[in-house]
Amino acid sequence: MKAGAELRPWRVKDTRHVFRDRWVSLRADSCVTAEGTEIDPYYILELADWVQVVAVTAQAQVVMIRQYRHGLKEISLEVPSGVVDARDADPLEAAARELLEETGYTADSFELVGRLSPVVARLDNTISVVLARNARQVQPPAVDATEVVSLHLMSCEEAVREALAGGMVEASQIAALLMALRHGGLIDIGVKSASDRS
């Protein structure tokens, strides 16, 4: 590939599903790059889109949870998150539902901050980052039998320190926390956004 060359998508000649169930689907694409190189198979893991909710109380505390994650076999510090279901009208509705289910919290407003890809080369889903303002607990959490979570309130600064010091390990969770808190004017990370410069 030459520097400055025009970037173009690959052409997909054929596609087949190697495995599929209600949680995950593995697809094998037969691809041809823009330069004519054949790649067969190129595996894509198909997953549902999900949301990550950075909920902040009126006292500027971030609603965090800890739960066991079997992939890493560790207890993980996270912001509430979950799948965007077919019944959700949009990611904001999913964010409100997941926040309530996992923590018992609701919020005065839910704002879409941005979109992330968990693994841009191999996964086809996206993560919507949502900032929930003036969060408050209105009921006990209503998690299902496969989820056991513990609830933690942290100042914005403490949450960021945890994220940057390795207390949070999932990359998209760290990105969501920083994006949402920066977007909400709750932390200063010393970098001006495009909207700040215009």
C-alpha atoms as a PDB file:
ATOM      1  CA  MET A   1       0.000   0.000   0.000  1.00  0.00           C
ATOM      2  CA  LYS A   2       1.429   3.344  -1.004  1.00  0.00           C
ATOM      3  CA  ALA A   3       1.241   6.318   1.320  1.00  0.00           C
ATOM      4  CA  GLY A   4      -1.507   8.673   0.223  1.00  0.00           C
ATOM      5  CA  ALA A   5      -3.291   6.001  -1.815  1.00  0.00           C
ATOM      6  CA  GLU A   6      -7.067   6.113  -1.975  1.00  0.00           C
ATOM      7  CA  LEU A   7      -8.679   3.885   0.648  1.00  0.00           C
ATOM      8  CA  ARG A   8     -11.614   1.793  -0.524  1.00  0.00           C
ATOM      9  CA  PRO A   9     -13.739  -0.940   1.092  1.00  0.00           C
ATOM     10  CA  TRP A  10     -13.224  -4.588   0.271  1.00  0.00           C
ATOM     11  CA  ARG A  11     -15.654  -6.426  -1.992  1.00  0.00           C
ATOM     12  CA  VAL A  12     -17.440  -9.413  -0.439  1.00  0.00           C
ATOM     13  CA  LYS A  13     -17.837 -12.224  -2.989  1.00  0.00           C
ATOM     14  CA  ASP A  14     -19.574 -14.645  -0.664  1.00  0.00           C
ATOM     15  CA  THR A  15     -20.536 -15.018   2.968  1.00  0.00           C
ATOM     16  CA  ARG A  16     -21.596 -17.940   5.141  1.00  0.00           C
ATOM     17  CA  HIS A  17     -22.371 -18.471   8.804  1.00  0.00           C
ATOM     18  CA  VAL A  18     -20.088 -20.978  10.512  1.00  0.00           C
ATOM     19  CA  PHE A  19     -21.950 -20.883  13.825  1.00  0.00           C
ATOM     20  CA  ARG A  20     -25.038 -19.098  15.098  1.00  0.00           C
ATOM     21  CA  ASP A  21     -27.058 -19.070  18.327  1.00  0.00           C
ATOM     22  CA  ARG A  22     -29.049 -16.460  20.256  1.00  0.00           C
ATOM     23  CA  TRP A  23     -25.921 -14.818  21.717  1.00  0.00           C
ATOM     24  CA  VAL A  24     -23.291 -14.877  18.997  1.00  0.00           C
ATOM     25  CA  SER A  25     -22.794 -15.583  15.324  1.00  0.00           C
ATOM     26  CA  LEU A  26     -19.551 -16.324  13.482  1.00  0.00           C
ATOM     27  CA  ARG A  27     -19.517 -15.315   9.817  1.00  0.00           C
ATOM     28  CA  ALA A  28     -16.918 -16.201   7.186  1.00  0.00           C
ATOM     29  CA  ASP A  29     -16.617 -13.705   4.334  1.00  0.00           C
ATOM     30  CA  SER A  30     -14.825 -14.303   1.058  1.00  0.00           C
ATOM     31  CA  CYS A  31     -13.239 -10.901   0.355  1.00  0.00           C
ATOM     32  CA  VAL A  32     -11.239  -9.132  -2.326  1.00  0.00           C
ATOM     33  CA  THR A  33      -9.296  -6.040  -1.268  1.00  0.00           C
ATOM     34  CA  ALA A  34      -9.414  -2.867  -3.353  1.00  0.00           C
ATOM     35  CA  GLU A  35      -5.989  -3.866  -4.699  1.00  0.00           C
ATOM     36  CA  GLY A  36      -7.242  -7.303  -5.790  1.00  0.00           C
ATOM     37  CA  THR A  37      -5.875  -9.513  -3.000  1.00  0.00           C
ATOM     38  CA  GLU A  38      -8.214 -12.364  -2.035  1.00  0.00           C
ATOM     39  CA  ILE A  39      -8.828 -13.073   1.656  1.00  0.00           C
ATOM     40  CA  ASP A  40     -10.868 -16.200   2.263  1.00  0.00           C
ATOM     41  CA  PRO A  41     -12.058 -16.704   4.899  1.00  0.00           C
ATOM     42  CA  TYR A  42     -12.165 -13.446   6.837  1.00  0.00           C
ATOM     43  CA  TYR A  43     -13.978 -14.137  10.086  1.00  0.00           C
ATOM     44  CA  ILE A  44     -16.409 -11.653  11.634  1.00  0.00           C
ATOM     45  CA  LEU A  45     -18.017 -12.161  15.017  1.00  0.00           C
ATOM     46  CA  GLU A  46     -21.571 -10.814  14.894  1.00  0.00           C
ATOM     47  CA  LEU A  47     -22.825  -9.461  18.226  1.00  0.00           C
ATOM     48  CA  ALA A  48     -25.699  -7.236  19.271  1.00  0.00           C
ATOM     49  CA  ASP A  49     -25.111  -3.522  19.717  1.00  0.00           C
ATOM     50  CA  TRP A  50     -24.911  -2.362  23.298  1.00  0.00           C
ATOM     51  CA  VAL A  51     -24.833   0.740  25.481  1.00  0.00           C
ATOM     52  CA  GLN A  52     -22.550   1.933  28.246  1.00  0.00           C
ATOM     53  CA  VAL A  53     -24.127   4.389  30.673  1.00  0.00           C
ATOM     54  CA  VAL A  54     -22.083   6.955  32.567  1.00  0.00           C
ATOM     55  CA  ALA A  55     -24.620   8.026  35.195  1.00  0.00           C
ATOM     56  CA  VAL A  56     -23.709  10.991  37.382  1.00  0.00           C
ATOM     57  CA  THR A  57     -25.659  12.084  40.460  1.00  0.00           C
ATOM     58  CA  ALA A  58     -26.472  15.681  41.412  1.00  0.00           C
ATOM     59  CA  GLN A  59     -23.521  15.434  43.821  1.00  0.00           C
ATOM     60  CA  ALA A  60     -21.172  14.648  40.891  1.00  0.00           C
ATOM     61  CA  GLN A  61     -20.754  10.991  41.821  1.00  0.00           C
ATOM     62  CA  VAL A  62     -20.491   8.348  39.111  1.00  0.00           C
ATOM     63  CA  VAL A  63     -22.686   5.263  39.498  1.00  0.00           C
ATOM     64  CA  MET A  64     -20.316   2.309  39.131  1.00  0.00           C
ATOM     65  CA  ILE A  65     -20.749  -1.434  39.530  1.00  0.00           C
ATOM     66  CA  ARG A  66     -18.496  -4.396  40.173  1.00  0.00           C
ATOM     67  CA  GLN A  67     -19.310  -7.839  38.805  1.00  0.00           C
ATOM     68  CA  TYR A  68     -17.605 -11.096  37.925  1.00  0.00           C
ATOM     69  CA  ARG A  69     -16.643 -11.414  34.256  1.00  0.00           C
ATOM     70  CA  HIS A  70     -15.964 -14.977  33.202  1.00  0.00           C
ATOM     71  CA  GLY A  71     -13.983 -14.118  30.051  1.00  0.00           C
ATOM     72  CA  LEU A  72     -11.171 -12.661  32.168  1.00  0.00           C
ATOM     73  CA  LYS A  73     -12.147 -14.622  35.304  1.00  0.00           C
ATOM     74  CA  GLU A  74     -11.950 -11.435  37.353  1.00  0.00           C
ATOM     75  CA  ILE A  75     -14.165  -9.023  39.252  1.00  0.00           C
ATOM     76  CA  SER A  76     -14.525  -5.990  36.995  1.00  0.00           C
ATOM     77  CA  LEU A  77     -15.206  -2.333  37.847  1.00  0.00           C
ATOM     78  CA  GLU A  78     -17.565  -0.935  35.205  1.00  0.00           C
ATOM     79  CA  VAL A  79     -20.236   1.561  34.308  1.00  0.00           C
ATOM     80  CA  PRO A  80     -23.677  -0.024  33.784  1.00  0.00           C
ATOM     81  CA  SER A  81     -24.033  -1.513  30.318  1.00  0.00           C
ATOM     82  CA  GLY A  82     -26.071  -3.934  28.284  1.00  0.00           C
ATOM     83  CA  VAL A  83     -27.486  -5.032  24.966  1.00  0.00           C
ATOM     84  CA  VAL A  84     -29.754  -2.848  22.870  1.00  0.00           C
ATOM     85  CA  ASP A  85     -32.769  -5.168  22.601  1.00  0.00           C
ATOM     86  CA  ALA A  86     -35.229  -5.340  19.718  1.00  0.00           C
ATOM     87  CA  ARG A  87     -37.837  -3.868  22.079  1.00  0.00           C
ATOM     88  CA  ASP A  88     -35.724  -0.704  22.612  1.00  0.00           C
ATOM     89  CA  ALA A  89     -36.703   2.220  20.411  1.00  0.00           C
ATOM     90  CA  ASP A  90     -33.113   3.515  20.441  1.00  0.00           C
ATOM     91  CA  PRO A  91     -29.885   3.381  22.493  1.00  0.00           C
ATOM     92  CA  LEU A  92     -31.188   6.001  24.937  1.00  0.00           C
ATOM     93  CA  GLU A  93     -34.143   3.785  25.830  1.00  0.00           C
ATOM     94  CA  ALA A  94     -31.769   0.843  26.264  1.00  0.00           C
ATOM     95  CA  ALA A  95     -29.536   2.985  28.486  1.00  0.00           C
ATOM     96  CA  ALA A  96     -32.422   3.955  30.751  1.00  0.00           C
ATOM     97  CA  ARG A  97     -33.554   0.323  31.001  1.00  0.00           C
ATOM     98  CA  GLU A  98     -30.084  -1.073  31.713  1.00  0.00           C
ATOM     99  CA  LEU A  99     -29.305   1.607  34.308  1.00  0.00           C
ATOM    100  CA  LEU A 100     -32.553   0.871  36.148  1.00  0.00           C
ATOM    101  CA  GLU A 101     -32.125  -2.914  35.977  1.00  0.00           C
ATOM    102  CA  GLU A 102     -28.497  -3.008  37.100  1.00  0.00           C
ATOM    103  CA  THR A 103     -28.507  -0.240  39.709  1.00  0.00           C
ATOM    104  CA  GLY A 104     -32.090   0.830  40.474  1.00  0.00           C
ATOM    105  CA  TYR A 105     -31.154   4.335  39.264  1.00  0.00           C
ATOM    106  CA  THR A 106     -32.927   6.614  36.835  1.00  0.00           C
ATOM    107  CA  ALA A 107     -31.851  10.065  35.632  1.00  0.00           C
ATOM    108  CA  ASP A 108     -33.288  13.397  34.563  1.00  0.00           C
ATOM    109  CA  SER A 109     -31.735  13.152  31.108  1.00  0.00           C
ATOM    110  CA  PHE A 110     -29.978  10.666  28.851  1.00  0.00           C
ATOM    111  CA  GLU A 111     -27.671  12.051  26.175  1.00  0.00           C
ATOM    112  CA  LEU A 112     -25.899  10.163  23.400  1.00  0.00           C
ATOM    113  CA  VAL A 113     -22.220  11.136  23.621  1.00  0.00           C
ATOM    114  CA  GLY A 114     -20.694   8.983  20.901  1.00  0.00           C
ATOM    115  CA  ARG A 115     -20.198   5.574  19.371  1.00  0.00           C
ATOM    116  CA  LEU A 116     -17.374   3.078  19.831  1.00  0.00           C
ATOM    117  CA  SER A 117     -16.339  -0.181  18.206  1.00  0.00           C
ATOM    118  CA  PRO A 118     -15.159  -2.853  20.650  1.00  0.00           C
ATOM    119  CA  VAL A 119     -12.865  -4.478  18.046  1.00  0.00           C
ATOM    120  CA  VAL A 120     -13.055  -2.695  14.708  1.00  0.00           C
ATOM    121  CA  ALA A 121     -11.306  -5.474  12.727  1.00  0.00           C
ATOM    122  CA  ARG A 122     -13.346  -8.489  13.860  1.00  0.00           C
ATOM    123  CA  LEU A 123     -16.632  -7.467  15.522  1.00  0.00           C
ATOM    124  CA  ASP A 124     -19.550  -5.905  13.659  1.00  0.00           C
ATOM    125  CA  ASN A 125     -21.339  -4.277  16.591  1.00  0.00           C
ATOM    126  CA  THR A 126     -21.119  -0.801  18.101  1.00  0.00           C
ATOM    127  CA  ILE A 127     -21.306   0.641  21.599  1.00  0.00           C
ATOM    128  CA  SER A 128     -23.374   3.753  22.254  1.00  0.00           C
ATOM    129  CA  VAL A 129     -21.911   5.906  25.031  1.00  0.00           C
ATOM    130  CA  VAL A 130     -24.652   7.624  27.041  1.00  0.00           C
ATOM    131  CA  LEU A 131     -24.333  10.314  29.721  1.00  0.00           C
ATOM    132  CA  ALA A 132     -27.142  10.214  32.298  1.00  0.00           C
ATOM    133  CA  ARG A 133     -27.406  13.388  34.379  1.00  0.00           C
ATOM    134  CA  ASN A 134     -28.846  13.852  37.881  1.00  0.00           C
ATOM    135  CA  ALA A 135     -29.032  10.129  38.505  1.00  0.00           C
ATOM    136  CA  ARG A 136     -30.913   8.964  41.607  1.00  0.00           C
ATOM    137  CA  GLN A 137     -31.890   5.586  42.987  1.00  0.00           C
ATOM    138  CA  VAL A 138     -35.619   4.869  42.802  1.00  0.00           C
ATOM    139  CA  GLN A 139     -35.728   1.109  43.404  1.00  0.00           C
ATOM    140  CA  PRO A 140     -33.474  -1.850  44.221  1.00  0.00           C
ATOM    141  CA  PRO A 141     -31.549  -3.334  41.281  1.00  0.00           C
ATOM    142  CA  ALA A 142     -33.500  -5.928  39.266  1.00  0.00           C
ATOM    143  CA  VAL A 143     -30.711  -8.011  37.753  1.00  0.00           C
ATOM    144  CA  ASP A 144     -31.346 -11.539  36.500  1.00  0.00           C
ATOM    145  CA  ALA A 145     -30.022 -14.782  37.977  1.00  0.00           C
ATOM    146  CA  THR A 146     -26.791 -14.676  35.944  1.00  0.00           C
ATOM    147  CA  GLU A 147     -25.811 -11.226  37.234  1.00  0.00           C
ATOM    148  CA  VAL A 148     -24.582 -10.407  40.722  1.00  0.00           C
ATOM    149  CA  VAL A 149     -23.459  -6.797  40.995  1.00  0.00           C
ATOM    150  CA  SER A 150     -22.295  -4.533  43.799  1.00  0.00           C
ATOM    151  CA  LEU A 151     -23.021  -0.835  43.537  1.00  0.00           C
ATOM    152  CA  HIS A 152     -20.391   1.873  44.126  1.00  0.00           C
ATOM    153  CA  LEU A 153     -20.576   5.670  43.984  1.00  0.00           C
ATOM    154  CA  MET A 154     -17.325   7.447  43.127  1.00  0.00           C
ATOM    155  CA  SER A 155     -16.460  11.072  42.547  1.00  0.00           C
ATOM    156  CA  CYS A 156     -15.661  11.838  38.921  1.00  0.00           C
ATOM    157  CA  GLU A 157     -11.993  12.273  39.845  1.00  0.00           C
ATOM    158  CA  GLU A 158     -11.875   8.972  41.736  1.00  0.00           C
ATOM    159  CA  ALA A 159     -13.511   7.113  38.840  1.00  0.00           C
ATOM    160  CA  VAL A 160     -10.991   8.561  36.382  1.00  0.00           C
ATOM    161  CA  ARG A 161      -8.082   7.718  38.689  1.00  0.00           C
ATOM    162  CA  GLU A 162      -9.341   4.126  38.941  1.00  0.00           C
ATOM    163  CA  ALA A 163      -9.692   3.914  35.152  1.00  0.00           C
ATOM    164  CA  LEU A 164      -6.225   5.279  34.431  1.00  0.00           C
ATOM    165  CA  ALA A 165      -4.474   3.323  37.175  1.00  0.00           C
ATOM    166  CA  GLY A 166      -5.725  -0.075  36.024  1.00  0.00           C
ATOM    167  CA  GLY A 167      -8.727  -0.353  38.336  1.00  0.00           C
ATOM    168  CA  MET A 168     -10.862  -0.671  35.194  1.00  0.00           C
ATOM    169  CA  VAL A 169      -9.583  -3.051  32.526  1.00  0.00           C
ATOM    170  CA  GLU A 170     -12.123  -3.085  29.686  1.00  0.00           C
ATOM    171  CA  ALA A 171     -10.933  -0.602  27.076  1.00  0.00           C
ATOM    172  CA  SER A 172     -14.396   0.458  25.890  1.00  0.00           C
ATOM    173  CA  GLN A 173     -15.486   1.081  29.490  1.00  0.00           C
ATOM    174  CA  ILE A 174     -12.527   3.388  30.101  1.00  0.00           C
ATOM    175  CA  ALA A 175     -13.151   5.203  26.818  1.00  0.00           C
ATOM    176  CA  ALA A 176     -16.860   5.605  27.600  1.00  0.00           C
ATOM    177  CA  LEU A 177     -16.148   7.000  31.071  1.00  0.00           C
ATOM    178  CA  LEU A 178     -13.634   9.561  29.795  1.00  0.00           C
ATOM    179  CA  MET A 179     -15.755  10.549  26.782  1.00  0.00           C
ATOM    180  CA  ALA A 180     -18.923  11.072  28.799  1.00  0.00           C
ATOM    181  CA  LEU A 181     -17.326  12.934  31.705  1.00  0.00           C
ATOM    182  CA  ARG A 182     -15.387  15.185  29.306  1.00  0.00           C
ATOM    183  CA  HIS A 183     -18.524  15.786  27.216  1.00  0.00           C
ATOM    184  CA  GLY A 184     -20.497  16.710  30.331  1.00  0.00           C
ATOM    185  CA  GLY A 185     -17.849  19.176  31.502  1.00  0.00           C
ATOM    186  CA  LEU A 186     -17.233  17.033  34.595  1.00  0.00           C
ATOM    187  CA  ILE A 187     -13.496  16.512  34.042  1.00  0.00           C
ATOM    188  CA  ASP A 188     -10.781  18.418  32.215  1.00  0.00           C
ATOM    189  CA  ILE A 189      -8.409  16.144  30.375  1.00  0.00           C
ATOM    190  CA  GLY A 190      -6.452  19.007  28.838  1.00  0.00           C
ATOM    191  CA  VAL A 191      -7.509  18.388  25.254  1.00  0.00           C
ATOM    192  CA  LYS A 192      -9.912  20.600  23.372  1.00  0.00           C
ATOM    193  CA  SER A 193     -12.604  18.868  21.369  1.00  0.00           C
ATOM    194  CA  ALA A 194     -13.440  19.855  17.796  1.00  0.00           C
ATOM    195  CA  SER A 195     -16.518  21.727  19.033  1.00  0.00           C
ATOM    196  CA  ASP A 196     -14.344  23.713  21.494  1.00  0.00           C
ATOM    197  CA  ARG A 197     -12.046  24.830  18.677  1.00  0.00           C
ATOM    198  CA  SER A 198     -14.782  26.049  16.319  1.00  0.00           C
END
